[in-house]
């Protein structure tokens, strides 16, 4: 066996909260080329308690202490959005590879600085757009790229849920979250559409309710997008829905593909595909997918890119462009600069 076949990337989780405990810790442990060796919480006592429960050797109360640990190769940053920039910079300067949760930052300027720091210190940077690893999303991308749906004329992605049931009250704090559903779940819709279409947004228009203030985020938003190849798209996202609603639809001149629950992990998801014929009748197909644990696939892909010197599966540059779309959306819209 080669060294890359036997070696595992050793991760430290920065910002070990409920999400990290429920999804990320287990994903790292279940990844064949990854290992969880450290966690960080603001309370050292709680960090030690969680580490002991997970049989993790190291516990720290600050990101800097975790980054200084010589037995850590990479960090998974799962903290609130406002901490992503500083923690990424700390990790990069400490020589640690960075997998940071979405959105990459609070604004595009922060995102660019994070990318520059990682490039300067020669560490990998990946953004946690876990939905890209879904076989449903990848089939949608294949349908578009193969031309099976014809020229893509429109697309939509919707994601709403009842955030009133969440304990993460910082969702509504502009200084901590940066944005409301636009930043939290709208970014999943934006990244997924852009990945499927293999295209970049040229302009965005938005309606936000209520309008965000210096201290409070929006709670519902509708975004209208125009992609550089001409596709028109929309995103609806909300914290105020009575139940979870997740839906994606791609319409081309020759076919239509749609799916509910396209963002979900470790479940069964159905994809519906309709193709036109030379009559009023259409050809319809339903495909069922057993979606694996996407967080395991995400971590495994990042470790693989580190071990084999490959490009990041979700490059920081793509997240930087998406961040510019988010920034403009919170201001009502505008044209996206590509420089």
C-alpha atoms as a PDB file:
ATOM      1  CA  UNK A   1       0.000   0.000   0.000  1.00  0.00           C
ATOM      2  CA  UNK A   2       1.074   3.580  -0.600  1.00  0.00           C
ATOM      3  CA  UNK A   3       1.254   6.134   2.170  1.00  0.00           C
ATOM      4  CA  UNK A   4      -1.876   7.909   0.848  1.00  0.00           C
ATOM      5  CA  UNK A   5      -3.791   4.629   1.058  1.00  0.00           C
ATOM      6  CA  UNK A   6      -2.934   4.104   4.710  1.00  0.00           C
ATOM      7  CA  UNK A   7      -2.800   7.644   6.063  1.00  0.00           C
ATOM      8  CA  UNK A   8      -5.841   9.415   7.489  1.00  0.00           C
ATOM      9  CA  UNK A   9      -6.353  13.172   7.703  1.00  0.00           C
ATOM     10  CA  UNK A  10      -6.666  14.161  11.361  1.00  0.00           C
ATOM     11  CA  UNK A  11      -9.431  16.711  11.959  1.00  0.00           C
ATOM     12  CA  UNK A  12     -10.206  19.172  14.681  1.00  0.00           C
ATOM     13  CA  UNK A  13     -13.722  20.603  14.850  1.00  0.00           C
ATOM     14  CA  UNK A  14     -13.893  24.316  15.629  1.00  0.00           C
ATOM     15  CA  UNK A  15     -17.234  25.469  17.053  1.00  0.00           C
ATOM     16  CA  UNK A  16     -18.447  22.149  18.414  1.00  0.00           C
ATOM     17  CA  UNK A  17     -22.178  22.746  18.875  1.00  0.00           C
ATOM     18  CA  UNK A  18     -25.320  20.730  18.298  1.00  0.00           C
ATOM     19  CA  UNK A  19     -24.903  20.514  14.516  1.00  0.00           C
ATOM     20  CA  UNK A  20     -21.301  19.364  14.816  1.00  0.00           C
ATOM     21  CA  UNK A  21     -22.300  16.786  17.401  1.00  0.00           C
ATOM     22  CA  UNK A  22     -25.224  15.448  15.362  1.00  0.00           C
ATOM     23  CA  UNK A  23     -23.703  15.460  11.868  1.00  0.00           C
ATOM     24  CA  UNK A  24     -20.024  16.322  11.584  1.00  0.00           C
ATOM     25  CA  UNK A  25     -18.329  14.310  14.329  1.00  0.00           C
ATOM     26  CA  UNK A  26     -19.930  11.070  13.181  1.00  0.00           C
ATOM     27  CA  UNK A  27     -19.160  11.840   9.537  1.00  0.00           C
ATOM     28  CA  UNK A  28     -15.459  12.270  10.265  1.00  0.00           C
ATOM     29  CA  UNK A  29     -15.407   9.070  12.299  1.00  0.00           C
ATOM     30  CA  UNK A  30     -17.190   7.136   9.528  1.00  0.00           C
ATOM     31  CA  UNK A  31     -14.979   8.467   6.741  1.00  0.00           C
ATOM     32  CA  UNK A  32     -12.425   5.866   5.613  1.00  0.00           C
ATOM     33  CA  UNK A  33      -9.616   8.393   5.179  1.00  0.00           C
ATOM     34  CA  UNK A  34     -10.350  10.724   8.091  1.00  0.00           C
ATOM     35  CA  UNK A  35      -9.995  10.767  11.855  1.00  0.00           C
ATOM     36  CA  UNK A  36     -11.432  13.058  14.559  1.00  0.00           C
ATOM     37  CA  UNK A  37      -8.714  13.978  17.042  1.00  0.00           C
ATOM     38  CA  UNK A  38      -9.788  17.321  18.564  1.00  0.00           C
ATOM     39  CA  UNK A  39     -12.789  19.491  19.344  1.00  0.00           C
ATOM     40  CA  UNK A  40     -13.117  23.097  20.454  1.00  0.00           C
ATOM     41  CA  UNK A  41     -15.831  24.749  22.530  1.00  0.00           C
ATOM     42  CA  UNK A  42     -15.662  28.020  24.442  1.00  0.00           C
ATOM     43  CA  UNK A  43     -16.016  26.062  27.696  1.00  0.00           C
ATOM     44  CA  UNK A  44     -13.017  23.809  28.211  1.00  0.00           C
ATOM     45  CA  UNK A  45     -14.965  21.680  30.682  1.00  0.00           C
ATOM     46  CA  UNK A  46     -17.729  21.050  28.146  1.00  0.00           C
ATOM     47  CA  UNK A  47     -15.187  20.467  25.393  1.00  0.00           C
ATOM     48  CA  UNK A  48     -13.464  17.844  27.528  1.00  0.00           C
ATOM     49  CA  UNK A  49     -16.796  16.241  28.388  1.00  0.00           C
ATOM     50  CA  UNK A  50     -17.782  15.951  24.711  1.00  0.00           C
ATOM     51  CA  UNK A  51     -14.322  14.734  23.729  1.00  0.00           C
ATOM     52  CA  UNK A  52     -14.406  11.997  26.370  1.00  0.00           C
ATOM     53  CA  UNK A  53     -17.869  10.893  25.237  1.00  0.00           C
ATOM     54  CA  UNK A  54     -16.605  10.576  21.653  1.00  0.00           C
ATOM     55  CA  UNK A  55     -13.209   9.068  22.573  1.00  0.00           C
ATOM     56  CA  UNK A  56     -11.481  12.104  21.051  1.00  0.00           C
ATOM     57  CA  UNK A  57      -8.023  12.725  22.538  1.00  0.00           C
ATOM     58  CA  UNK A  58      -7.839  16.535  22.500  1.00  0.00           C
ATOM     59  CA  UNK A  59     -10.176  19.262  23.764  1.00  0.00           C
ATOM     60  CA  UNK A  60      -9.582  23.007  23.551  1.00  0.00           C
ATOM     61  CA  UNK A  61     -11.373  26.213  24.501  1.00  0.00           C
ATOM     62  CA  UNK A  62      -9.998  28.380  21.677  1.00  0.00           C
ATOM     63  CA  UNK A  63      -9.457  27.904  17.939  1.00  0.00           C
ATOM     64  CA  UNK A  64      -5.849  29.072  18.265  1.00  0.00           C
ATOM     65  CA  UNK A  65      -5.065  26.314  20.767  1.00  0.00           C
ATOM     66  CA  UNK A  66      -6.608  23.671  18.527  1.00  0.00           C
ATOM     67  CA  UNK A  67      -4.713  24.960  15.483  1.00  0.00           C
ATOM     68  CA  UNK A  68      -1.454  24.814  17.464  1.00  0.00           C
ATOM     69  CA  UNK A  69      -1.919  21.099  18.124  1.00  0.00           C
ATOM     70  CA  UNK A  70       0.680  19.204  16.025  1.00  0.00           C
ATOM     71  CA  UNK A  71      -1.605  16.171  15.713  1.00  0.00           C
ATOM     72  CA  UNK A  72      -4.238  18.139  13.753  1.00  0.00           C
ATOM     73  CA  UNK A  73      -3.927  18.220   9.938  1.00  0.00           C
ATOM     74  CA  UNK A  74      -7.198  19.971   9.059  1.00  0.00           C
ATOM     75  CA  UNK A  75     -10.028  21.840  10.722  1.00  0.00           C
ATOM     76  CA  UNK A  76     -13.748  21.683  10.103  1.00  0.00           C
ATOM     77  CA  UNK A  77     -15.164  25.092  11.064  1.00  0.00           C
ATOM     78  CA  UNK A  78     -18.768  24.731  12.240  1.00  0.00           C
ATOM     79  CA  UNK A  79     -19.057  27.963  14.208  1.00  0.00           C
ATOM     80  CA  UNK A  80     -21.445  30.871  13.592  1.00  0.00           C
ATOM     81  CA  UNK A  81     -20.979  32.724  10.302  1.00  0.00           C
ATOM     82  CA  UNK A  82     -19.331  35.748  11.910  1.00  0.00           C
ATOM     83  CA  UNK A  83     -16.418  33.576  13.098  1.00  0.00           C
ATOM     84  CA  UNK A  84     -15.625  31.902   9.769  1.00  0.00           C
ATOM     85  CA  UNK A  85     -13.170  34.536   8.553  1.00  0.00           C
ATOM     86  CA  UNK A  86     -10.983  34.843  11.640  1.00  0.00           C
ATOM     87  CA  UNK A  87     -10.947  31.120  12.326  1.00  0.00           C
ATOM     88  CA  UNK A  88     -10.029  30.308   8.720  1.00  0.00           C
ATOM     89  CA  UNK A  89      -7.191  32.821   8.787  1.00  0.00           C
ATOM     90  CA  UNK A  90      -5.942  31.397  12.106  1.00  0.00           C
ATOM     91  CA  UNK A  91      -6.009  27.874  10.698  1.00  0.00           C
ATOM     92  CA  UNK A  92      -4.300  28.834   7.442  1.00  0.00           C
ATOM     93  CA  UNK A  93      -1.507  30.661   9.239  1.00  0.00           C
ATOM     94  CA  UNK A  94      -1.089  27.579  11.424  1.00  0.00           C
ATOM     95  CA  UNK A  95      -0.679  25.379   8.353  1.00  0.00           C
ATOM     96  CA  UNK A  96      -4.007  23.572   8.708  1.00  0.00           C
ATOM     97  CA  UNK A  97      -6.286  22.737   5.795  1.00  0.00           C
ATOM     98  CA  UNK A  98      -9.747  24.279   6.111  1.00  0.00           C
ATOM     99  CA  UNK A  99     -13.229  22.868   5.539  1.00  0.00           C
ATOM    100  CA  UNK A 100     -15.581  25.708   6.495  1.00  0.00           C
ATOM    101  CA  UNK A 101     -19.363  25.559   6.709  1.00  0.00           C
ATOM    102  CA  UNK A 102     -21.490  27.615   4.348  1.00  0.00           C
ATOM    103  CA  UNK A 103     -21.796  30.490   3.780  1.00  0.00           C
ATOM    104  CA  UNK A 104     -18.066  30.988   3.484  1.00  0.00           C
ATOM    105  CA  UNK A 105     -18.143  34.388   5.209  1.00  0.00           C
ATOM    106  CA  UNK A 106     -20.147  37.454   6.169  1.00  0.00           C
ATOM    107  CA  UNK A 107     -19.338  39.226   2.909  1.00  0.00           C
ATOM    108  CA  UNK A 108     -17.304  38.861  -0.274  1.00  0.00           C
ATOM    109  CA  UNK A 109     -14.388  40.892   1.073  1.00  0.00           C
ATOM    110  CA  UNK A 110     -13.943  38.448   3.958  1.00  0.00           C
ATOM    111  CA  UNK A 111     -14.246  35.524   1.542  1.00  0.00           C
ATOM    112  CA  UNK A 112     -11.509  36.888  -0.715  1.00  0.00           C
ATOM    113  CA  UNK A 113      -9.173  37.386   2.245  1.00  0.00           C
ATOM    114  CA  UNK A 114      -9.791  33.808   3.409  1.00  0.00           C
ATOM    115  CA  UNK A 115      -8.921  32.516  -0.069  1.00  0.00           C
ATOM    116  CA  UNK A 116      -5.759  34.647  -0.203  1.00  0.00           C
ATOM    117  CA  UNK A 117      -4.575  33.447   3.214  1.00  0.00           C
ATOM    118  CA  UNK A 118      -5.093  29.788   2.328  1.00  0.00           C
ATOM    119  CA  UNK A 119      -3.265  30.215  -0.977  1.00  0.00           C
ATOM    120  CA  UNK A 120      -0.409  32.109   0.681  1.00  0.00           C
ATOM    121  CA  UNK A 121       0.077  29.398   3.298  1.00  0.00           C
ATOM    122  CA  UNK A 122      -0.488  26.567   0.803  1.00  0.00           C
ATOM    123  CA  UNK A 123      -3.390  24.911   2.556  1.00  0.00           C
ATOM    124  CA  UNK A 124      -6.550  23.546   0.966  1.00  0.00           C
ATOM    125  CA  UNK A 125      -9.829  25.427   1.372  1.00  0.00           C
ATOM    126  CA  UNK A 126     -13.225  23.815   0.875  1.00  0.00           C
ATOM    127  CA  UNK A 127     -16.678  25.190   1.621  1.00  0.00           C
ATOM    128  CA  UNK A 128     -19.300  22.855   3.098  1.00  0.00           C
ATOM    129  CA  UNK A 129     -21.767  22.729   0.225  1.00  0.00           C
ATOM    130  CA  UNK A 130     -22.696  19.180   1.096  1.00  0.00           C
ATOM    131  CA  UNK A 131     -25.687  19.022  -1.285  1.00  0.00           C
ATOM    132  CA  UNK A 132     -23.311  18.740  -4.267  1.00  0.00           C
ATOM    133  CA  UNK A 133     -22.529  15.196  -3.167  1.00  0.00           C
ATOM    134  CA  UNK A 134     -26.129  14.001  -3.514  1.00  0.00           C
ATOM    135  CA  UNK A 135     -26.599  11.481  -6.352  1.00  0.00           C
ATOM    136  CA  UNK A 136     -29.888  13.244  -7.156  1.00  0.00           C
ATOM    137  CA  UNK A 137     -28.123  16.566  -7.711  1.00  0.00           C
ATOM    138  CA  UNK A 138     -25.377  14.892  -9.718  1.00  0.00           C
ATOM    139  CA  UNK A 139     -27.944  13.200 -11.959  1.00  0.00           C
ATOM    140  CA  UNK A 140     -29.614  16.580 -12.517  1.00  0.00           C
ATOM    141  CA  UNK A 141     -26.233  18.013 -13.492  1.00  0.00           C
ATOM    142  CA  UNK A 142     -25.663  15.108 -15.885  1.00  0.00           C
ATOM    143  CA  UNK A 143     -29.081  15.664 -17.489  1.00  0.00           C
ATOM    144  CA  UNK A 144     -28.263  19.320 -18.071  1.00  0.00           C
ATOM    145  CA  UNK A 145     -24.682  18.815 -19.253  1.00  0.00           C
ATOM    146  CA  UNK A 146     -25.613  15.959 -21.633  1.00  0.00           C
ATOM    147  CA  UNK A 147     -28.193  18.115 -23.390  1.00  0.00           C
ATOM    148  CA  UNK A 148     -30.963  15.652 -22.513  1.00  0.00           C
ATOM    149  CA  UNK A 149     -33.217  18.514 -21.355  1.00  0.00           C
ATOM    150  CA  UNK A 150     -32.333  20.769 -24.283  1.00  0.00           C
ATOM    151  CA  UNK A 151     -31.472  24.413 -23.724  1.00  0.00           C
ATOM    152  CA  UNK A 152     -32.195  25.278 -20.090  1.00  0.00           C
ATOM    153  CA  UNK A 153     -34.670  28.133 -19.981  1.00  0.00           C
ATOM    154  CA  UNK A 154     -35.569  28.280 -16.286  1.00  0.00           C
ATOM    155  CA  UNK A 155     -34.795  26.745 -12.910  1.00  0.00           C
ATOM    156  CA  UNK A 156     -36.010  27.089  -9.359  1.00  0.00           C
ATOM    157  CA  UNK A 157     -34.964  25.929  -5.910  1.00  0.00           C
ATOM    158  CA  UNK A 158     -37.085  26.385  -2.797  1.00  0.00           C
ATOM    159  CA  UNK A 159     -36.128  25.710   0.812  1.00  0.00           C
ATOM    160  CA  UNK A 160     -38.278  26.718   3.776  1.00  0.00           C
ATOM    161  CA  UNK A 161     -38.667  25.424   7.310  1.00  0.00           C
ATOM    162  CA  UNK A 162     -39.968  26.435  10.709  1.00  0.00           C
ATOM    163  CA  UNK A 163     -36.939  28.033  12.354  1.00  0.00           C
ATOM    164  CA  UNK A 164     -39.061  28.876  15.376  1.00  0.00           C
ATOM    165  CA  UNK A 165     -38.334  25.325  16.518  1.00  0.00           C
ATOM    166  CA  UNK A 166     -34.573  25.848  16.338  1.00  0.00           C
ATOM    167  CA  UNK A 167     -32.413  26.636  19.366  1.00  0.00           C
ATOM    168  CA  UNK A 168     -30.012  28.622  17.197  1.00  0.00           C
ATOM    169  CA  UNK A 169     -31.366  32.077  18.022  1.00  0.00           C
ATOM    170  CA  UNK A 170     -28.359  33.697  16.347  1.00  0.00           C
ATOM    171  CA  UNK A 171     -30.168  32.963  13.060  1.00  0.00           C
ATOM    172  CA  UNK A 172     -31.909  36.321  13.533  1.00  0.00           C
ATOM    173  CA  UNK A 173     -28.885  38.334  14.715  1.00  0.00           C
ATOM    174  CA  UNK A 174     -27.407  40.225  11.748  1.00  0.00           C
ATOM    175  CA  UNK A 175     -24.044  40.693  13.482  1.00  0.00           C
ATOM    176  CA  UNK A 176     -23.615  36.946  13.955  1.00  0.00           C
ATOM    177  CA  UNK A 177     -25.503  35.395  11.018  1.00  0.00           C
ATOM    178  CA  UNK A 178     -24.925  38.050   8.350  1.00  0.00           C
ATOM    179  CA  UNK A 179     -28.266  37.204   6.784  1.00  0.00           C
ATOM    180  CA  UNK A 180     -31.333  35.125   7.571  1.00  0.00           C
ATOM    181  CA  UNK A 181     -32.617  32.364   5.271  1.00  0.00           C
ATOM    182  CA  UNK A 182     -30.692  33.886   2.356  1.00  0.00           C
ATOM    183  CA  UNK A 183     -27.405  33.027   4.099  1.00  0.00           C
ATOM    184  CA  UNK A 184     -28.532  29.859   5.863  1.00  0.00           C
ATOM    185  CA  UNK A 185     -30.539  27.899   3.285  1.00  0.00           C
ATOM    186  CA  UNK A 186     -30.701  30.172   0.251  1.00  0.00           C
ATOM    187  CA  UNK A 187     -26.990  29.535  -0.214  1.00  0.00           C
ATOM    188  CA  UNK A 188     -27.705  25.797  -0.578  1.00  0.00           C
ATOM    189  CA  UNK A 189     -30.206  26.605  -3.337  1.00  0.00           C
ATOM    190  CA  UNK A 190     -27.823  29.008  -5.056  1.00  0.00           C
ATOM    191  CA  UNK A 191     -24.852  26.663  -4.976  1.00  0.00           C
ATOM    192  CA  UNK A 192     -26.921  23.687  -6.130  1.00  0.00           C
ATOM    193  CA  UNK A 193     -28.443  25.552  -9.083  1.00  0.00           C
ATOM    194  CA  UNK A 194     -25.047  26.931 -10.118  1.00  0.00           C
ATOM    195  CA  UNK A 195     -23.462  23.478  -9.835  1.00  0.00           C
ATOM    196  CA  UNK A 196     -26.199  21.806 -11.882  1.00  0.00           C
ATOM    197  CA  UNK A 197     -26.158  24.529 -14.548  1.00  0.00           C
ATOM    198  CA  UNK A 198     -22.352  24.825 -14.480  1.00  0.00           C
ATOM    199  CA  UNK A 199     -22.843  28.572 -14.738  1.00  0.00           C
ATOM    200  CA  UNK A 200     -22.436  31.788 -12.768  1.00  0.00           C
ATOM    201  CA  UNK A 201     -25.101  34.306 -11.806  1.00  0.00           C
ATOM    202  CA  UNK A 202     -24.901  37.535 -13.795  1.00  0.00           C
ATOM    203  CA  UNK A 203     -27.561  39.506 -11.921  1.00  0.00           C
ATOM    204  CA  UNK A 204     -29.890  39.144  -8.955  1.00  0.00           C
ATOM    205  CA  UNK A 205     -33.081  40.875  -7.804  1.00  0.00           C
ATOM    206  CA  UNK A 206     -34.610  40.217  -4.414  1.00  0.00           C
ATOM    207  CA  UNK A 207     -37.653  40.768  -2.215  1.00  0.00           C
ATOM    208  CA  UNK A 208     -37.047  40.449   1.530  1.00  0.00           C
ATOM    209  CA  UNK A 209     -39.507  40.313   4.409  1.00  0.00           C
ATOM    210  CA  UNK A 210     -39.019  42.000   6.739  1.00  0.00           C
ATOM    211  CA  UNK A 211     -36.283  44.174   5.349  1.00  0.00           C
ATOM    212  CA  UNK A 212     -33.040  43.413   7.227  1.00  0.00           C
ATOM    213  CA  UNK A 213     -31.735  46.039   9.618  1.00  0.00           C
ATOM    214  CA  UNK A 214     -28.322  46.614  11.173  1.00  0.00           C
ATOM    215  CA  UNK A 215     -29.271  44.208  13.945  1.00  0.00           C
ATOM    216  CA  UNK A 216     -31.950  41.851  12.580  1.00  0.00           C
ATOM    217  CA  UNK A 217     -32.068  39.532   9.576  1.00  0.00           C
ATOM    218  CA  UNK A 218     -34.800  38.943   7.018  1.00  0.00           C
ATOM    219  CA  UNK A 219     -37.008  35.892   7.612  1.00  0.00           C
ATOM    220  CA  UNK A 220     -38.377  35.231   4.124  1.00  0.00           C
ATOM    221  CA  UNK A 221     -36.871  35.997   0.732  1.00  0.00           C
ATOM    222  CA  UNK A 222     -37.466  35.488  -2.977  1.00  0.00           C
ATOM    223  CA  UNK A 223     -34.503  35.899  -5.334  1.00  0.00           C
ATOM    224  CA  UNK A 224     -34.661  36.268  -9.092  1.00  0.00           C
ATOM    225  CA  UNK A 225     -31.457  35.242 -10.879  1.00  0.00           C
ATOM    226  CA  UNK A 226     -30.141  35.551 -14.411  1.00  0.00           C
ATOM    227  CA  UNK A 227     -27.243  33.278 -15.339  1.00  0.00           C
ATOM    228  CA  UNK A 228     -24.554  34.175 -17.838  1.00  0.00           C
ATOM    229  CA  UNK A 229     -25.800  31.578 -20.370  1.00  0.00           C
ATOM    230  CA  UNK A 230     -29.292  33.082 -20.243  1.00  0.00           C
ATOM    231  CA  UNK A 231     -31.100  30.768 -17.832  1.00  0.00           C
ATOM    232  CA  UNK A 232     -33.606  32.519 -15.555  1.00  0.00           C
ATOM    233  CA  UNK A 233     -33.938  31.124 -12.033  1.00  0.00           C
ATOM    234  CA  UNK A 234     -35.644  31.774  -8.728  1.00  0.00           C
ATOM    235  CA  UNK A 235     -35.002  30.914  -5.099  1.00  0.00           C
ATOM    236  CA  UNK A 236     -37.604  31.058  -2.329  1.00  0.00           C
ATOM    237  CA  UNK A 237     -36.323  30.576   1.211  1.00  0.00           C
ATOM    238  CA  UNK A 238     -37.969  31.160   4.569  1.00  0.00           C
ATOM    239  CA  UNK A 239     -37.678  30.611   8.308  1.00  0.00           C
ATOM    240  CA  UNK A 240     -41.433  31.110   8.716  1.00  0.00           C
ATOM    241  CA  UNK A 241     -42.976  28.073   7.002  1.00  0.00           C
ATOM    242  CA  UNK A 242     -45.198  25.755   9.077  1.00  0.00           C
ATOM    243  CA  UNK A 243     -43.218  22.729   7.882  1.00  0.00           C
ATOM    244  CA  UNK A 244     -40.190  21.843   5.814  1.00  0.00           C
ATOM    245  CA  UNK A 245     -40.569  22.422   2.066  1.00  0.00           C
ATOM    246  CA  UNK A 246     -37.666  21.582  -0.271  1.00  0.00           C
ATOM    247  CA  UNK A 247     -38.025  21.487  -4.064  1.00  0.00           C
ATOM    248  CA  UNK A 248     -35.908  21.875  -7.191  1.00  0.00           C
ATOM    249  CA  UNK A 249     -36.965  22.113 -10.825  1.00  0.00           C
ATOM    250  CA  UNK A 250     -34.993  22.448 -14.052  1.00  0.00           C
ATOM    251  CA  UNK A 251     -36.890  23.222 -17.274  1.00  0.00           C
ATOM    252  CA  UNK A 252     -35.339  22.905 -20.719  1.00  0.00           C
ATOM    253  CA  UNK A 253     -36.677  23.099 -24.246  1.00  0.00           C
ATOM    254  CA  UNK A 254     -36.755  19.277 -24.447  1.00  0.00           C
ATOM    255  CA  UNK A 255     -37.445  18.191 -20.894  1.00  0.00           C
ATOM    256  CA  UNK A 256     -38.184  18.941 -17.266  1.00  0.00           C
ATOM    257  CA  UNK A 257     -36.616  17.416 -14.153  1.00  0.00           C
ATOM    258  CA  UNK A 258     -37.774  17.946 -10.575  1.00  0.00           C
ATOM    259  CA  UNK A 259     -37.277  16.574  -7.090  1.00  0.00           C
ATOM    260  CA  UNK A 260     -38.393  17.212  -3.546  1.00  0.00           C
ATOM    261  CA  UNK A 261     -36.044  16.952  -0.555  1.00  0.00           C
ATOM    262  CA  UNK A 262     -33.000  17.325  -2.815  1.00  0.00           C
ATOM    263  CA  UNK A 263     -30.876  18.662   0.064  1.00  0.00           C
ATOM    264  CA  UNK A 264     -31.433  15.744   2.425  1.00  0.00           C
ATOM    265  CA  UNK A 265     -28.879  13.177   3.499  1.00  0.00           C
ATOM    266  CA  UNK A 266     -29.157   9.472   4.374  1.00  0.00           C
ATOM    267  CA  UNK A 267     -32.653   9.019   2.939  1.00  0.00           C
ATOM    268  CA  UNK A 268     -34.552   7.969  -0.191  1.00  0.00           C
ATOM    269  CA  UNK A 269     -35.246  10.715  -2.736  1.00  0.00           C
ATOM    270  CA  UNK A 270     -37.233  10.590  -5.984  1.00  0.00           C
ATOM    271  CA  UNK A 271     -36.331  12.363  -9.220  1.00  0.00           C
ATOM    272  CA  UNK A 272     -39.020  12.963 -11.848  1.00  0.00           C
ATOM    273  CA  UNK A 273     -37.982  13.468 -15.477  1.00  0.00           C
ATOM    274  CA  UNK A 274     -40.315  14.438 -18.338  1.00  0.00           C
ATOM    275  CA  UNK A 275     -39.235  14.587 -21.990  1.00  0.00           C
ATOM    276  CA  UNK A 276     -41.189  16.111 -24.851  1.00  0.00           C
ATOM    277  CA  UNK A 277     -42.211  14.098 -27.890  1.00  0.00           C
ATOM    278  CA  UNK A 278     -43.468  15.108 -31.315  1.00  0.00           C
ATOM    279  CA  UNK A 279     -47.043  14.925 -30.018  1.00  0.00           C
ATOM    280  CA  UNK A 280     -48.898  16.433 -27.081  1.00  0.00           C
ATOM    281  CA  UNK A 281     -47.977  13.353 -25.044  1.00  0.00           C
ATOM    282  CA  UNK A 282     -44.764  13.260 -22.996  1.00  0.00           C
ATOM    283  CA  UNK A 283     -42.379  10.568 -21.839  1.00  0.00           C
ATOM    284  CA  UNK A 284     -42.154  10.387 -18.047  1.00  0.00           C
ATOM    285  CA  UNK A 285     -39.626   8.612 -15.854  1.00  0.00           C
ATOM    286  CA  UNK A 286     -39.288   8.307 -12.084  1.00  0.00           C
ATOM    287  CA  UNK A 287     -35.926   7.429 -10.563  1.00  0.00           C
ATOM    288  CA  UNK A 288     -35.470   6.560  -6.876  1.00  0.00           C
ATOM    289  CA  UNK A 289     -32.135   7.239  -5.190  1.00  0.00           C
ATOM    290  CA  UNK A 290     -30.823   5.922  -1.912  1.00  0.00           C
ATOM    291  CA  UNK A 291     -28.931   9.009  -0.795  1.00  0.00           C
ATOM    292  CA  UNK A 292     -25.959   8.139   1.436  1.00  0.00           C
ATOM    293  CA  UNK A 293     -24.675  10.156   4.380  1.00  0.00           C
ATOM    294  CA  UNK A 294     -23.566  13.222   2.436  1.00  0.00           C
ATOM    295  CA  UNK A 295     -21.445  14.536   5.305  1.00  0.00           C
ATOM    296  CA  UNK A 296     -19.309  11.391   5.173  1.00  0.00           C
ATOM    297  CA  UNK A 297     -18.862  11.851   1.422  1.00  0.00           C
ATOM    298  CA  UNK A 298     -18.011  15.523   1.925  1.00  0.00           C
ATOM    299  CA  UNK A 299     -15.299  14.844   4.501  1.00  0.00           C
ATOM    300  CA  UNK A 300     -13.916  11.916   2.500  1.00  0.00           C
ATOM    301  CA  UNK A 301     -13.664  14.072  -0.636  1.00  0.00           C
ATOM    302  CA  UNK A 302     -11.781  16.809   1.215  1.00  0.00           C
ATOM    303  CA  UNK A 303      -9.376  14.346   2.807  1.00  0.00           C
ATOM    304  CA  UNK A 304      -8.807  12.786  -0.601  1.00  0.00           C
ATOM    305  CA  UNK A 305      -7.942  16.140  -2.139  1.00  0.00           C
ATOM    306  CA  UNK A 306      -5.440  16.799   0.662  1.00  0.00           C
ATOM    307  CA  UNK A 307      -3.842  13.354   0.443  1.00  0.00           C
ATOM    308  CA  UNK A 308      -3.559  13.408  -3.339  1.00  0.00           C
ATOM    309  CA  UNK A 309      -2.887  17.095  -3.969  1.00  0.00           C
ATOM    310  CA  UNK A 310      -6.075  17.628  -5.954  1.00  0.00           C
ATOM    311  CA  UNK A 311      -8.248  20.713  -6.417  1.00  0.00           C
ATOM    312  CA  UNK A 312     -10.748  21.399  -3.645  1.00  0.00           C
ATOM    313  CA  UNK A 313     -14.134  19.750  -4.334  1.00  0.00           C
ATOM    314  CA  UNK A 314     -15.862  23.058  -3.534  1.00  0.00           C
ATOM    315  CA  UNK A 315     -13.291  25.796  -4.228  1.00  0.00           C
ATOM    316  CA  UNK A 316     -13.244  29.023  -2.279  1.00  0.00           C
ATOM    317  CA  UNK A 317     -13.419  31.012  -5.527  1.00  0.00           C
ATOM    318  CA  UNK A 318     -16.881  29.614  -6.292  1.00  0.00           C
ATOM    319  CA  UNK A 319     -18.051  30.421  -2.763  1.00  0.00           C
ATOM    320  CA  UNK A 320     -16.640  33.955  -3.158  1.00  0.00           C
ATOM    321  CA  UNK A 321     -18.772  34.463  -6.270  1.00  0.00           C
ATOM    322  CA  UNK A 322     -21.844  33.122  -4.473  1.00  0.00           C
ATOM    323  CA  UNK A 323     -21.117  35.456  -1.566  1.00  0.00           C
ATOM    324  CA  UNK A 324     -21.258  38.423  -3.924  1.00  0.00           C
ATOM    325  CA  UNK A 325     -24.712  37.247  -5.010  1.00  0.00           C
ATOM    326  CA  UNK A 326     -25.820  37.003  -1.357  1.00  0.00           C
ATOM    327  CA  UNK A 327     -24.402  40.433  -0.540  1.00  0.00           C
ATOM    328  CA  UNK A 328     -26.330  42.045  -3.391  1.00  0.00           C
ATOM    329  CA  UNK A 329     -29.500  40.109  -2.560  1.00  0.00           C
ATOM    330  CA  UNK A 330     -29.579  41.632   0.922  1.00  0.00           C
ATOM    331  CA  UNK A 331     -29.452  45.070  -0.711  1.00  0.00           C
ATOM    332  CA  UNK A 332     -32.239  44.386  -3.205  1.00  0.00           C
ATOM    333  CA  UNK A 333     -30.120  43.171  -6.105  1.00  0.00           C
ATOM    334  CA  UNK A 334     -27.758  44.256  -8.830  1.00  0.00           C
ATOM    335  CA  UNK A 335     -25.241  43.020 -11.403  1.00  0.00           C
ATOM    336  CA  UNK A 336     -22.486  40.673 -10.266  1.00  0.00           C
ATOM    337  CA  UNK A 337     -18.895  41.759 -10.823  1.00  0.00           C
ATOM    338  CA  UNK A 338     -16.616  38.922 -11.974  1.00  0.00           C
ATOM    339  CA  UNK A 339     -13.433  40.671 -10.868  1.00  0.00           C
END
